[in-house]
Amino acid sequence: MSVEDFEAAAAAGAGAAGMAAETLAAKRYPVAPGVRLNVRSGPGTNYRIVRVLPYGARVPINCQKPGEWVRGPYGTSNIWDNIGNGEFVSDAYVYTGSDGYVAVRCN
């Protein structure tokens, strides 16, 4: 195998790895327009606010769990989306295209 063949094979492998990483990346969902969304430590408004998402944010949904019912731009829902370690947002503010679960249930 020549040096050129080796470099071409290595580049092809790196490209495939990059594509695999993109495939494994979590899908991100848009937060309702014009909303700075509170991120809470649990699935309800009684949990502390850990941060606030900026306008135009898109969030990954790692898992979902039932919690407090919330009315928002996308209806009324008791589904809360886990967007990070100890971070939850009401699904009523996230456009998933569904009124039900779109991810596995959190433990």
PDB file of N, CA and C in Angstrom:
ATOM      1  N   MET A   1       0.868  -1.176   0.000  1.00  0.00           N
ATOM      2  CA  MET A   1       0.000   0.000   0.000  1.00  0.00           C
ATOM      3  C   MET A   1       0.907   1.229   0.000  1.00  0.00           C
ATOM      4  N   SER A   2       0.616   2.152  -0.896  1.00  0.00           N
ATOM      5  CA  SER A   2       1.416   3.367  -0.978  1.00  0.00           C
ATOM      6  C   SER A   2       0.980   4.348   0.108  1.00  0.00           C
ATOM      7  N   VAL A   3       1.785   5.389   0.319  1.00  0.00           N
ATOM      8  CA  VAL A   3       1.465   6.431   1.286  1.00  0.00           C
ATOM      9  C   VAL A   3       0.164   7.118   0.886  1.00  0.00           C
ATOM     10  N   GLU A   4      -0.013   7.368  -0.424  1.00  0.00           N
ATOM     11  CA  GLU A   4      -1.236   8.016  -0.908  1.00  0.00           C
ATOM     12  C   GLU A   4      -2.461   7.153  -0.617  1.00  0.00           C
ATOM     13  N   ASP A   5      -2.344   5.821  -0.853  1.00  0.00           N
ATOM     14  CA  ASP A   5      -3.457   4.914  -0.583  1.00  0.00           C
ATOM     15  C   ASP A   5      -3.801   4.908   0.907  1.00  0.00           C
ATOM     16  N   PHE A   6      -2.760   4.907   1.743  1.00  0.00           N
ATOM     17  CA  PHE A   6      -2.970   4.912   3.193  1.00  0.00           C
ATOM     18  C   PHE A   6      -3.676   6.191   3.626  1.00  0.00           C
ATOM     19  N   GLU A   7      -3.222   7.347   3.128  1.00  0.00           N
ATOM     20  CA  GLU A   7      -3.838   8.627   3.491  1.00  0.00           C
ATOM     21  C   GLU A   7      -5.286   8.692   3.023  1.00  0.00           C
ATOM     22  N   ALA A   8      -5.576   8.170   1.821  1.00  0.00           N
ATOM     23  CA  ALA A   8      -6.945   8.173   1.301  1.00  0.00           C
ATOM     24  C   ALA A   8      -7.838   7.294   2.169  1.00  0.00           C
ATOM     25  N   ALA A   9      -7.327   6.118   2.567  1.00  0.00           N
ATOM     26  CA  ALA A   9      -8.114   5.211   3.413  1.00  0.00           C
ATOM     27  C   ALA A   9      -8.370   5.842   4.785  1.00  0.00           C
ATOM     28  N   ALA A  10      -7.365   6.516   5.342  1.00  0.00           N
ATOM     29  CA  ALA A  10      -7.526   7.168   6.639  1.00  0.00           C
ATOM     30  C   ALA A  10      -8.555   8.291   6.546  1.00  0.00           C
ATOM     31  N   ALA A  11      -8.510   9.068   5.463  1.00  0.00           N
ATOM     32  CA  ALA A  11      -9.471  10.160   5.275  1.00  0.00           C
ATOM     33  C   ALA A  11     -10.881   9.609   5.129  1.00  0.00           C
ATOM     34  N   ALA A  12     -11.029   8.510   4.410  1.00  0.00           N
ATOM     35  CA  ALA A  12     -12.356   7.902   4.240  1.00  0.00           C
ATOM     36  C   ALA A  12     -12.890   7.414   5.582  1.00  0.00           C
ATOM     37  N   GLY A  13     -12.026   6.824   6.402  1.00  0.00           N
ATOM     38  CA  GLY A  13     -12.441   6.357   7.725  1.00  0.00           C
ATOM     39  C   GLY A  13     -12.848   7.498   8.618  1.00  0.00           C
ATOM     40  N   ALA A  14     -12.110   8.613   8.565  1.00  0.00           N
ATOM     41  CA  ALA A  14     -12.449   9.773   9.373  1.00  0.00           C
ATOM     42  C   ALA A  14     -13.786  10.347   8.943  1.00  0.00           C
ATOM     43  N   GLY A  15     -14.044  10.363   7.643  1.00  0.00           N
ATOM     44  CA  GLY A  15     -15.332  10.864   7.145  1.00  0.00           C
ATOM     45  C   GLY A  15     -16.476   9.994   7.633  1.00  0.00           C
ATOM     46  N   ALA A  16     -16.293   8.689   7.613  1.00  0.00           N
ATOM     47  CA  ALA A  16     -17.333   7.773   8.083  1.00  0.00           C
ATOM     48  C   ALA A  16     -17.573   7.957   9.572  1.00  0.00           C
ATOM     49  N   ALA A  17     -16.503   8.166  10.338  1.00  0.00           N
ATOM     50  CA  ALA A  17     -16.656   8.385  11.777  1.00  0.00           C
ATOM     51  C   ALA A  17     -17.427   9.664  12.035  1.00  0.00           C
ATOM     52  N   GLY A  18     -17.131  10.709  11.271  1.00  0.00           N
ATOM     53  CA  GLY A  18     -17.853  11.976  11.425  1.00  0.00           C
ATOM     54  C   GLY A  18     -19.324  11.816  11.124  1.00  0.00           C
ATOM     55  N   MET A  19     -19.642  11.060  10.084  1.00  0.00           N
ATOM     56  CA  MET A  19     -21.042  10.820   9.741  1.00  0.00           C
ATOM     57  C   MET A  19     -21.720  10.029  10.842  1.00  0.00           C
ATOM     58  N   ALA A  20     -21.031   9.050  11.429  1.00  0.00           N
ATOM     59  CA  ALA A  20     -21.612   8.262  12.516  1.00  0.00           C
ATOM     60  C   ALA A  20     -21.890   9.146  13.718  1.00  0.00           C
ATOM     61  N   ALA A  21     -20.974  10.075  14.011  1.00  0.00           N
ATOM     62  CA  ALA A  21     -21.179  10.976  15.149  1.00  0.00           C
ATOM     63  C   ALA A  21     -22.389  11.865  14.908  1.00  0.00           C
ATOM     64  N   GLU A  22     -22.581  12.348  13.684  1.00  0.00           N
ATOM     65  CA  GLU A  22     -23.753  13.162  13.377  1.00  0.00           C
ATOM     66  C   GLU A  22     -25.033  12.359  13.553  1.00  0.00           C
ATOM     67  N   THR A  23     -25.009  11.095  13.148  1.00  0.00           N
ATOM     68  CA  THR A  23     -26.185  10.239  13.267  1.00  0.00           C
ATOM     69  C   THR A  23     -26.546  10.023  14.732  1.00  0.00           C
ATOM     70  N   LEU A  24     -25.525   9.909  15.602  1.00  0.00           N
ATOM     71  CA  LEU A  24     -25.764   9.656  17.017  1.00  0.00           C
ATOM     72  C   LEU A  24     -26.151  10.913  17.784  1.00  0.00           C
ATOM     73  N   ALA A  25     -25.927  12.080  17.206  1.00  0.00           N
ATOM     74  CA  ALA A  25     -26.271  13.329  17.890  1.00  0.00           C
ATOM     75  C   ALA A  25     -27.772  13.401  18.112  1.00  0.00           C
ATOM     76  N   ALA A  26     -28.166  13.896  19.278  1.00  0.00           N
ATOM     77  CA  ALA A  26     -29.579  13.988  19.622  1.00  0.00           C
ATOM     78  C   ALA A  26     -30.280  15.001  18.720  1.00  0.00           C
ATOM     79  N   LYS A  27     -31.503  14.677  18.335  1.00  0.00           N
ATOM     80  CA  LYS A  27     -32.305  15.627  17.579  1.00  0.00           C
ATOM     81  C   LYS A  27     -32.632  16.796  18.497  1.00  0.00           C
ATOM     82  N   ARG A  28     -32.667  17.988  17.944  1.00  0.00           N
ATOM     83  CA  ARG A  28     -32.977  19.178  18.726  1.00  0.00           C
ATOM     84  C   ARG A  28     -34.331  19.722  18.286  1.00  0.00           C
ATOM     85  N   TYR A  29     -35.116  20.138  19.266  1.00  0.00           N
ATOM     86  CA  TYR A  29     -36.471  20.634  19.027  1.00  0.00           C
ATOM     87  C   TYR A  29     -36.546  22.116  19.385  1.00  0.00           C
ATOM     88  N   PRO A  30     -37.288  22.908  18.600  1.00  0.00           N
ATOM     89  CA  PRO A  30     -37.373  24.341  18.882  1.00  0.00           C
ATOM     90  C   PRO A  30     -38.300  24.677  20.051  1.00  0.00           C
ATOM     91  N   VAL A  31     -37.862  25.631  20.855  1.00  0.00           N
ATOM     92  CA  VAL A  31     -38.704  26.210  21.904  1.00  0.00           C
ATOM     93  C   VAL A  31     -39.625  27.214  21.213  1.00  0.00           C
ATOM     94  N   ALA A  32     -40.823  27.401  21.741  1.00  0.00           N
ATOM     95  CA  ALA A  32     -41.804  28.315  21.144  1.00  0.00           C
ATOM     96  C   ALA A  32     -41.175  29.685  20.866  1.00  0.00           C
ATOM     97  N   PRO A  33     -41.517  30.272  19.714  1.00  0.00           N
ATOM     98  CA  PRO A  33     -40.969  31.588  19.376  1.00  0.00           C
ATOM     99  C   PRO A  33     -41.335  32.641  20.417  1.00  0.00           C
ATOM    100  N   GLY A  34     -40.405  33.535  20.689  1.00  0.00           N
ATOM    101  CA  GLY A  34     -40.661  34.634  21.621  1.00  0.00           C
ATOM    102  C   GLY A  34     -40.680  34.232  23.079  1.00  0.00           C
ATOM    103  N   VAL A  35     -40.166  33.036  23.377  1.00  0.00           N
ATOM    104  CA  VAL A  35     -40.195  32.538  24.763  1.00  0.00           C
ATOM    105  C   VAL A  35     -38.769  32.351  25.276  1.00  0.00           C
ATOM    106  N   ARG A  36     -38.516  32.912  26.458  1.00  0.00           N
ATOM    107  CA  ARG A  36     -37.296  32.605  27.221  1.00  0.00           C
ATOM    108  C   ARG A  36     -37.743  31.593  28.271  1.00  0.00           C
ATOM    109  N   LEU A  37     -37.419  30.331  28.040  1.00  0.00           N
ATOM    110  CA  LEU A  37     -37.991  29.234  28.821  1.00  0.00           C
ATOM    111  C   LEU A  37     -37.172  28.908  30.068  1.00  0.00           C
ATOM    112  N   ASN A  38     -37.890  28.815  31.197  1.00  0.00           N
ATOM    113  CA  ASN A  38     -37.249  28.398  32.448  1.00  0.00           C
ATOM    114  C   ASN A  38     -36.906  26.920  32.377  1.00  0.00           C
ATOM    115  N   VAL A  39     -35.688  26.596  32.757  1.00  0.00           N
ATOM    116  CA  VAL A  39     -35.249  25.207  32.879  1.00  0.00           C
ATOM    117  C   VAL A  39     -35.266  24.897  34.357  1.00  0.00           C
ATOM    118  N   ARG A  40     -35.939  23.824  34.727  1.00  0.00           N
ATOM    119  CA  ARG A  40     -36.134  23.493  36.142  1.00  0.00           C
ATOM    120  C   ARG A  40     -35.388  22.221  36.523  1.00  0.00           C
ATOM    121  N   SER A  41     -35.192  22.048  37.804  1.00  0.00           N
ATOM    122  CA  SER A  41     -34.452  20.886  38.302  1.00  0.00           C
ATOM    123  C   SER A  41     -35.302  19.619  38.355  1.00  0.00           C
ATOM    124  N   GLY A  42     -36.591  19.732  38.098  1.00  0.00           N
ATOM    125  CA  GLY A  42     -37.485  18.581  38.088  1.00  0.00           C
ATOM    126  C   GLY A  42     -38.721  18.895  37.266  1.00  0.00           C
ATOM    127  N   PRO A  43     -39.648  17.929  37.171  1.00  0.00           N
ATOM    128  CA  PRO A  43     -40.807  18.057  36.283  1.00  0.00           C
ATOM    129  C   PRO A  43     -41.993  18.832  36.864  1.00  0.00           C
ATOM    130  N   GLY A  44     -41.761  20.093  37.210  1.00  0.00           N
ATOM    131  CA  GLY A  44     -42.850  20.924  37.721  1.00  0.00           C
ATOM    132  C   GLY A  44     -42.359  22.326  38.031  1.00  0.00           C
ATOM    133  N   THR A  45     -43.309  23.257  38.126  1.00  0.00           N
ATOM    134  CA  THR A  45     -42.943  24.653  38.392  1.00  0.00           C
ATOM    135  C   THR A  45     -42.528  24.879  39.844  1.00  0.00           C
ATOM    136  N   ASN A  46     -42.741  23.883  40.699  1.00  0.00           N
ATOM    137  CA  ASN A  46     -42.302  24.002  42.084  1.00  0.00           C
ATOM    138  C   ASN A  46     -40.816  23.669  42.246  1.00  0.00           C
ATOM    139  N   TYR A  47     -40.186  23.143  41.199  1.00  0.00           N
ATOM    140  CA  TYR A  47     -38.750  22.864  41.236  1.00  0.00           C
ATOM    141  C   TYR A  47     -37.985  24.149  40.927  1.00  0.00           C
ATOM    142  N   ARG A  48     -36.774  24.251  41.449  1.00  0.00           N
ATOM    143  CA  ARG A  48     -35.999  25.488  41.269  1.00  0.00           C
ATOM    144  C   ARG A  48     -35.593  25.686  39.808  1.00  0.00           C
ATOM    145  N   ILE A  49     -35.469  26.955  39.419  1.00  0.00           N
ATOM    146  CA  ILE A  49     -35.000  27.312  38.086  1.00  0.00           C
ATOM    147  C   ILE A  49     -33.478  27.193  38.085  1.00  0.00           C
ATOM    148  N   VAL A  50     -32.940  26.391  37.151  1.00  0.00           N
ATOM    149  CA  VAL A  50     -31.487  26.219  37.085  1.00  0.00           C
ATOM    150  C   VAL A  50     -30.854  27.119  36.025  1.00  0.00           C
ATOM    151  N   ARG A  51     -31.631  27.519  35.034  1.00  0.00           N
ATOM    152  CA  ARG A  51     -31.183  28.476  34.021  1.00  0.00           C
ATOM    153  C   ARG A  51     -32.377  28.870  33.170  1.00  0.00           C
ATOM    154  N   VAL A  52     -32.186  29.844  32.305  1.00  0.00           N
ATOM    155  CA  VAL A  52     -33.243  30.300  31.407  1.00  0.00           C
ATOM    156  C   VAL A  52     -32.715  30.202  29.984  1.00  0.00           C
ATOM    157  N   LEU A  53     -33.486  29.556  29.110  1.00  0.00           N
ATOM    158  CA  LEU A  53     -33.070  29.424  27.714  1.00  0.00           C
ATOM    159  C   LEU A  53     -33.328  30.729  26.969  1.00  0.00           C
ATOM    160  N   PRO A  54     -32.452  31.094  26.052  1.00  0.00           N
ATOM    161  CA  PRO A  54     -32.644  32.331  25.292  1.00  0.00           C
ATOM    162  C   PRO A  54     -33.710  32.155  24.209  1.00  0.00           C
ATOM    163  N   TYR A  55     -34.162  33.281  23.665  1.00  0.00           N
ATOM    164  CA  TYR A  55     -35.080  33.245  22.525  1.00  0.00           C
ATOM    165  C   TYR A  55     -34.446  32.423  21.404  1.00  0.00           C
ATOM    166  N   GLY A  56     -35.270  31.649  20.714  1.00  0.00           N
ATOM    167  CA  GLY A  56     -34.782  30.874  19.573  1.00  0.00           C
ATOM    168  C   GLY A  56     -34.024  29.612  19.927  1.00  0.00           C
ATOM    169  N   ALA A  57     -34.075  29.191  21.184  1.00  0.00           N
ATOM    170  CA  ALA A  57     -33.336  27.999  21.608  1.00  0.00           C
ATOM    171  C   ALA A  57     -33.918  26.735  20.971  1.00  0.00           C
ATOM    172  N   ARG A  58     -33.044  25.776  20.781  1.00  0.00           N
ATOM    173  CA  ARG A  58     -33.420  24.426  20.355  1.00  0.00           C
ATOM    174  C   ARG A  58     -32.848  23.483  21.404  1.00  0.00           C
ATOM    175  N   VAL A  59     -33.630  22.481  21.797  1.00  0.00           N
ATOM    176  CA  VAL A  59     -33.197  21.606  22.884  1.00  0.00           C
ATOM    177  C   VAL A  59     -33.210  20.142  22.472  1.00  0.00           C
ATOM    178  N   PRO A  60     -32.264  19.358  23.012  1.00  0.00           N
ATOM    179  CA  PRO A  60     -32.326  17.910  22.823  1.00  0.00           C
ATOM    180  C   PRO A  60     -33.323  17.359  23.839  1.00  0.00           C
ATOM    181  N   ILE A  61     -33.960  16.273  23.518  1.00  0.00           N
ATOM    182  CA  ILE A  61     -34.820  15.607  24.503  1.00  0.00           C
ATOM    183  C   ILE A  61     -34.200  14.241  24.770  1.00  0.00           C
ATOM    184  N   ASN A  62     -33.569  14.119  25.939  1.00  0.00           N
ATOM    185  CA  ASN A  62     -32.895  12.875  26.308  1.00  0.00           C
ATOM    186  C   ASN A  62     -33.889  11.815  26.746  1.00  0.00           C
ATOM    187  N   CYS A  63     -34.899  12.252  27.491  1.00  0.00           N
ATOM    188  CA  CYS A  63     -35.967  11.380  27.957  1.00  0.00           C
ATOM    189  C   CYS A  63     -37.104  12.288  28.428  1.00  0.00           C
ATOM    190  N   GLN A  64     -38.248  11.690  28.715  1.00  0.00           N
ATOM    191  CA  GLN A  64     -39.410  12.473  29.157  1.00  0.00           C
ATOM    192  C   GLN A  64     -40.057  11.779  30.343  1.00  0.00           C
ATOM    193  N   LYS A  65     -40.716  12.600  31.193  1.00  0.00           N
ATOM    194  CA  LYS A  65     -41.420  12.013  32.327  1.00  0.00           C
ATOM    195  C   LYS A  65     -42.651  12.844  32.656  1.00  0.00           C
ATOM    196  N   PRO A  66     -43.661  12.208  33.232  1.00  0.00           N
ATOM    197  CA  PRO A  66     -44.856  12.962  33.620  1.00  0.00           C
ATOM    198  C   PRO A  66     -44.580  13.814  34.850  1.00  0.00           C
ATOM    199  N   GLY A  67     -45.279  14.931  34.927  1.00  0.00           N
ATOM    200  CA  GLY A  67     -45.138  15.828  36.063  1.00  0.00           C
ATOM    201  C   GLY A  67     -46.338  16.756  36.120  1.00  0.00           C
ATOM    202  N   GLU A  68     -46.103  17.977  36.559  1.00  0.00           N
ATOM    203  CA  GLU A  68     -47.162  18.978  36.679  1.00  0.00           C
ATOM    204  C   GLU A  68     -47.751  19.319  35.305  1.00  0.00           C
ATOM    205  N   TRP A  69     -49.061  19.518  35.268  1.00  0.00           N
ATOM    206  CA  TRP A  69     -49.731  19.954  34.045  1.00  0.00           C
ATOM    207  C   TRP A  69     -49.419  21.423  33.807  1.00  0.00           C
ATOM    208  N   VAL A  70     -49.065  21.755  32.569  1.00  0.00           N
ATOM    209  CA  VAL A  70     -48.722  23.128  32.186  1.00  0.00           C
ATOM    210  C   VAL A  70     -49.424  23.456  30.884  1.00  0.00           C
ATOM    211  N   ARG A  71     -49.958  24.685  30.809  1.00  0.00           N
ATOM    212  CA  ARG A  71     -50.558  25.175  29.560  1.00  0.00           C
ATOM    213  C   ARG A  71     -49.542  26.078  28.878  1.00  0.00           C
ATOM    214  N   GLY A  72     -49.297  25.821  27.593  1.00  0.00           N
ATOM    215  CA  GLY A  72     -48.324  26.619  26.850  1.00  0.00           C
ATOM    216  C   GLY A  72     -48.741  26.788  25.410  1.00  0.00           C
ATOM    217  N   PRO A  73     -47.857  27.314  24.581  1.00  0.00           N
ATOM    218  CA  PRO A  73     -48.169  27.564  23.175  1.00  0.00           C
ATOM    219  C   PRO A  73     -48.550  26.305  22.391  1.00  0.00           C
ATOM    220  N   TYR A  74     -48.077  25.153  22.834  1.00  0.00           N
ATOM    221  CA  TYR A  74     -48.359  23.905  22.121  1.00  0.00           C
ATOM    222  C   TYR A  74     -49.344  23.019  22.878  1.00  0.00           C
ATOM    223  N   GLY A  75     -50.241  23.652  23.626  1.00  0.00           N
ATOM    224  CA  GLY A  75     -51.293  22.912  24.311  1.00  0.00           C
ATOM    225  C   GLY A  75     -51.028  22.769  25.798  1.00  0.00           C
ATOM    226  N   THR A  76     -51.801  21.892  26.415  1.00  0.00           N
ATOM    227  CA  THR A  76     -51.661  21.606  27.838  1.00  0.00           C
ATOM    228  C   THR A  76     -51.084  20.206  27.966  1.00  0.00           C
ATOM    229  N   SER A  77     -50.045  20.075  28.753  1.00  0.00           N
ATOM    230  CA  SER A  77     -49.348  18.797  28.844  1.00  0.00           C
ATOM    231  C   SER A  77     -48.777  18.597  30.240  1.00  0.00           C
ATOM    232  N   ASN A  78     -48.681  17.333  30.622  1.00  0.00           N
ATOM    233  CA  ASN A  78     -47.982  16.997  31.868  1.00  0.00           C
ATOM    234  C   ASN A  78     -46.641  16.323  31.550  1.00  0.00           C
ATOM    235  N   ILE A  79     -46.238  16.375  30.284  1.00  0.00           N
ATOM    236  CA  ILE A  79     -44.955  15.792  29.879  1.00  0.00           C
ATOM    237  C   ILE A  79     -43.852  16.823  30.085  1.00  0.00           C
ATOM    238  N   TRP A  80     -42.779  16.384  30.716  1.00  0.00           N
ATOM    239  CA  TRP A  80     -41.612  17.232  30.929  1.00  0.00           C
ATOM    240  C   TRP A  80     -40.427  16.591  30.222  1.00  0.00           C
ATOM    241  N   ASP A  81     -39.674  17.421  29.498  1.00  0.00           N
ATOM    242  CA  ASP A  81     -38.549  16.970  28.696  1.00  0.00           C
ATOM    243  C   ASP A  81     -37.243  17.159  29.460  1.00  0.00           C
ATOM    244  N   ASN A  82     -36.467  16.098  29.576  1.00  0.00           N
ATOM    245  CA  ASN A  82     -35.143  16.199  30.173  1.00  0.00           C
ATOM    246  C   ASN A  82     -34.186  16.648  29.075  1.00  0.00           C
ATOM    247  N   ILE A  83     -33.583  17.833  29.262  1.00  0.00           N
ATOM    248  CA  ILE A  83     -32.694  18.383  28.240  1.00  0.00           C
ATOM    249  C   ILE A  83     -31.233  18.365  28.676  1.00  0.00           C
ATOM    250  N   GLY A  84     -30.985  17.881  29.862  1.00  0.00           N
ATOM    251  CA  GLY A  84     -29.627  17.798  30.397  1.00  0.00           C
ATOM    252  C   GLY A  84     -29.683  17.179  31.782  1.00  0.00           C
ATOM    253  N   ASN A  85     -28.544  16.979  32.384  1.00  0.00           N
ATOM    254  CA  ASN A  85     -28.490  16.368  33.706  1.00  0.00           C
ATOM    255  C   ASN A  85     -29.193  17.262  34.724  1.00  0.00           C
ATOM    256  N   GLY A  86     -30.345  16.805  35.233  1.00  0.00           N
ATOM    257  CA  GLY A  86     -31.106  17.575  36.207  1.00  0.00           C
ATOM    258  C   GLY A  86     -31.770  18.805  35.615  1.00  0.00           C
ATOM    259  N   GLU A  87     -32.065  18.795  34.304  1.00  0.00           N
ATOM    260  CA  GLU A  87     -32.675  19.936  33.626  1.00  0.00           C
ATOM    261  C   GLU A  87     -33.940  19.502  32.883  1.00  0.00           C
ATOM    262  N   PHE A  88     -35.061  20.132  33.245  1.00  0.00           N
ATOM    263  CA  PHE A  88     -36.352  19.793  32.641  1.00  0.00           C
ATOM    264  C   PHE A  88     -37.071  21.046  32.151  1.00  0.00           C
ATOM    265  N   VAL A  89     -37.781  20.896  31.026  1.00  0.00           N
ATOM    266  CA  VAL A  89     -38.658  21.949  30.517  1.00  0.00           C
ATOM    267  C   VAL A  89     -40.004  21.328  30.192  1.00  0.00           C
ATOM    268  N   SER A  90     -41.051  22.125  30.295  1.00  0.00           N
ATOM    269  CA  SER A  90     -42.382  21.630  29.963  1.00  0.00           C
ATOM    270  C   SER A  90     -42.491  21.407  28.463  1.00  0.00           C
ATOM    271  N   ASP A  91     -43.019  20.251  28.084  1.00  0.00           N
ATOM    272  CA  ASP A  91     -43.200  19.918  26.671  1.00  0.00           C
ATOM    273  C   ASP A  91     -44.217  20.840  26.002  1.00  0.00           C
ATOM    274  N   ALA A  92     -45.040  21.529  26.781  1.00  0.00           N
ATOM    275  CA  ALA A  92     -46.028  22.461  26.227  1.00  0.00           C
ATOM    276  C   ALA A  92     -45.358  23.666  25.575  1.00  0.00           C
ATOM    277  N   TYR A  93     -44.057  23.840  25.800  1.00  0.00           N
ATOM    278  CA  TYR A  93     -43.300  24.952  25.220  1.00  0.00           C
ATOM    279  C   TYR A  93     -42.287  24.505  24.172  1.00  0.00           C
ATOM    280  N   VAL A  94     -42.264  23.204  23.868  1.00  0.00           N
ATOM    281  CA  VAL A  94     -41.305  22.667  22.914  1.00  0.00           C
ATOM    282  C   VAL A  94     -42.074  22.049  21.747  1.00  0.00           C
ATOM    283  N   TYR A  95     -41.727  22.449  20.523  1.00  0.00           N
ATOM    284  CA  TYR A  95     -42.428  21.922  19.350  1.00  0.00           C
ATOM    285  C   TYR A  95     -41.813  20.583  18.947  1.00  0.00           C
ATOM    286  N   THR A  96     -42.559  19.504  19.261  1.00  0.00           N
ATOM    287  CA  THR A  96     -42.099  18.159  18.904  1.00  0.00           C
ATOM    288  C   THR A  96     -42.910  17.571  17.759  1.00  0.00           C
ATOM    289  N   GLY A  97     -44.034  18.225  17.421  1.00  0.00           N
ATOM    290  CA  GLY A  97     -44.894  17.695  16.381  1.00  0.00           C
ATOM    291  C   GLY A  97     -45.830  16.608  16.891  1.00  0.00           C
ATOM    292  N   SER A  98     -45.877  16.422  18.205  1.00  0.00           N
ATOM    293  CA  SER A  98     -46.692  15.368  18.795  1.00  0.00           C
ATOM    294  C   SER A  98     -47.262  15.838  20.131  1.00  0.00           C
ATOM    295  N   ASP A  99     -48.445  15.328  20.477  1.00  0.00           N
ATOM    296  CA  ASP A  99     -49.021  15.605  21.792  1.00  0.00           C
ATOM    297  C   ASP A  99     -48.592  14.565  22.823  1.00  0.00           C
ATOM    298  N   GLY A 100     -47.869  13.549  22.360  1.00  0.00           N
ATOM    299  CA  GLY A 100     -47.445  12.479  23.252  1.00  0.00           C
ATOM    300  C   GLY A 100     -45.932  12.432  23.403  1.00  0.00           C
ATOM    301  N   TYR A 101     -45.469  11.310  23.887  1.00  0.00           N
ATOM    302  CA  TYR A 101     -44.044  11.113  24.117  1.00  0.00           C
ATOM    303  C   TYR A 101     -43.316  10.932  22.789  1.00  0.00           C
ATOM    304  N   VAL A 102     -42.138  11.558  22.658  1.00  0.00           N
ATOM    305  CA  VAL A 102     -41.309  11.408  21.469  1.00  0.00           C
ATOM    306  C   VAL A 102     -39.946  10.818  21.828  1.00  0.00           C
ATOM    307  N   ALA A 103     -39.755  10.516  23.109  1.00  0.00           N
ATOM    308  CA  ALA A 103     -38.501   9.939  23.591  1.00  0.00           C
ATOM    309  C   ALA A 103     -38.843   8.924  24.683  1.00  0.00           C
ATOM    310  N   VAL A 104     -37.849   8.175  25.082  1.00  0.00           N
ATOM    311  CA  VAL A 104     -38.048   7.184  26.140  1.00  0.00           C
ATOM    312  C   VAL A 104     -38.412   7.892  27.441  1.00  0.00           C
ATOM    313  N   ARG A 105     -39.041   7.170  28.332  1.00  0.00           N
ATOM    314  CA  ARG A 105     -39.369   7.730  29.656  1.00  0.00           C
ATOM    315  C   ARG A 105     -38.134   7.709  30.534  1.00  0.00           C
ATOM    316  N   CYS A 106     -37.976   8.804  31.300  1.00  0.00           N
ATOM    317  CA  CYS A 106     -36.867   8.899  32.233  1.00  0.00           C
ATOM    318  C   CYS A 106     -37.106   7.922  33.392  1.00  0.00           C
ATOM    319  N   ASN A 107     -36.019   7.451  33.974  1.00  0.00           N
ATOM    320  CA  ASN A 107     -36.121   6.558  35.147  1.00  0.00           C
ATOM    321  C   ASN A 107     -36.536   7.322  36.363  1.00  0.00           C
TER     322      ASN A 107
END
